[in-house]
Amino acid sequence: MGRKLLRFAGFASGAVAGTVLCRRVFGAAGERVDVYFDDGSFVTFAGRSSEAARLVPLAQRVLAAVRPA
């Protein structure tokens, strides 16, 4: 019983570590822009798309303006 539990714990911790590593390596790194519409729908532009290249600097300026100094 003890070895089975130890094997399971090792497997589970390895799975969690692998998931974290995959999310860091292959995850959505960088910035993105989510544009929400009145009807409840939205569009996400990845940080490397041409749409996001235009919107990300604008969003950064807006956020910098509203953040407390």
Protein backbone atom coordinates (compact mmCIF):
# COMPACT_ATOMS: atom_id res chain seq x y z
CA MET A 1 0.00 0.00 0.00
CA GLY A 2 2.81 2.43 0.84
CA ARG A 3 4.65 1.90 -2.43
CA LYS A 4 1.48 2.33 -4.45
CA LEU A 5 0.76 5.61 -2.71
CA LEU A 6 4.33 6.76 -3.24
CA ARG A 7 4.17 5.89 -6.94
CA PHE A 8 0.87 7.71 -7.31
CA ALA A 9 2.22 10.79 -5.53
CA GLY A 10 5.29 10.77 -7.78
CA PHE A 11 3.15 10.43 -10.88
CA ALA A 12 0.76 13.18 -9.78
CA SER A 13 3.55 15.62 -8.93
CA GLY A 14 5.25 14.87 -12.25
CA ALA A 15 2.00 15.51 -14.10
CA VAL A 16 1.53 18.83 -12.33
CA ALA A 17 5.14 19.85 -12.99
CA GLY A 18 4.77 18.87 -16.65
CA THR A 19 1.57 20.87 -16.98
CA VAL A 20 3.19 23.96 -15.46
CA LEU A 21 6.21 23.60 -17.72
CA CYS A 22 4.10 23.19 -20.85
CA ARG A 23 1.99 26.23 -19.98
CA ARG A 24 5.10 28.33 -19.49
CA VAL A 25 6.80 27.14 -22.68
CA PHE A 26 3.82 26.84 -25.03
CA GLY A 27 1.33 29.09 -23.26
CA ALA A 28 0.05 32.40 -24.42
CA ALA A 29 3.14 34.38 -23.69
CA GLY A 30 3.09 38.07 -24.35
CA GLU A 31 0.23 40.45 -24.55
CA ARG A 32 -3.15 40.13 -26.13
CA VAL A 33 -6.13 42.37 -26.67
CA ASP A 34 -9.69 41.29 -25.93
CA VAL A 35 -12.32 43.44 -27.64
CA TYR A 36 -15.81 43.06 -26.15
CA PHE A 37 -18.99 43.99 -28.00
CA ASP A 38 -22.43 45.05 -26.72
CA ASP A 39 -24.03 41.77 -27.76
CA GLY A 40 -21.73 39.86 -25.37
CA SER A 41 -19.34 38.52 -27.99
CA PHE A 42 -15.64 39.28 -28.06
CA VAL A 43 -12.57 38.86 -30.21
CA THR A 44 -9.05 38.18 -28.98
CA PHE A 45 -6.07 39.46 -30.92
CA ALA A 46 -2.75 37.79 -30.15
CA GLY A 47 0.23 40.01 -29.40
CA ARG A 48 1.90 39.30 -32.73
CA SER A 49 -1.08 40.01 -34.96
CA SER A 50 -1.32 43.23 -36.94
CA GLU A 51 -4.51 44.22 -35.10
CA ALA A 52 -2.86 43.79 -31.70
CA ALA A 53 0.22 45.67 -32.89
CA ARG A 54 -2.01 48.72 -33.30
CA LEU A 55 -4.15 48.22 -30.18
CA VAL A 56 -1.59 47.16 -27.54
CA PRO A 57 0.25 50.53 -27.41
CA LEU A 58 -3.09 52.35 -27.09
CA ALA A 59 -4.21 50.06 -24.29
CA GLN A 60 -0.88 50.52 -22.49
CA ARG A 61 -1.28 54.30 -22.62
CA VAL A 62 -4.84 54.10 -21.31
CA LEU A 63 -3.79 51.83 -18.45
CA ALA A 64 -0.85 54.07 -17.59
CA ALA A 65 -3.16 57.07 -17.46
CA VAL A 66 -5.65 55.49 -15.06
CA ARG A 67 -3.17 53.83 -12.71
CA PRO A 68 -2.39 55.76 -9.54
CA ALA A 69 1.04 57.34 -9.53
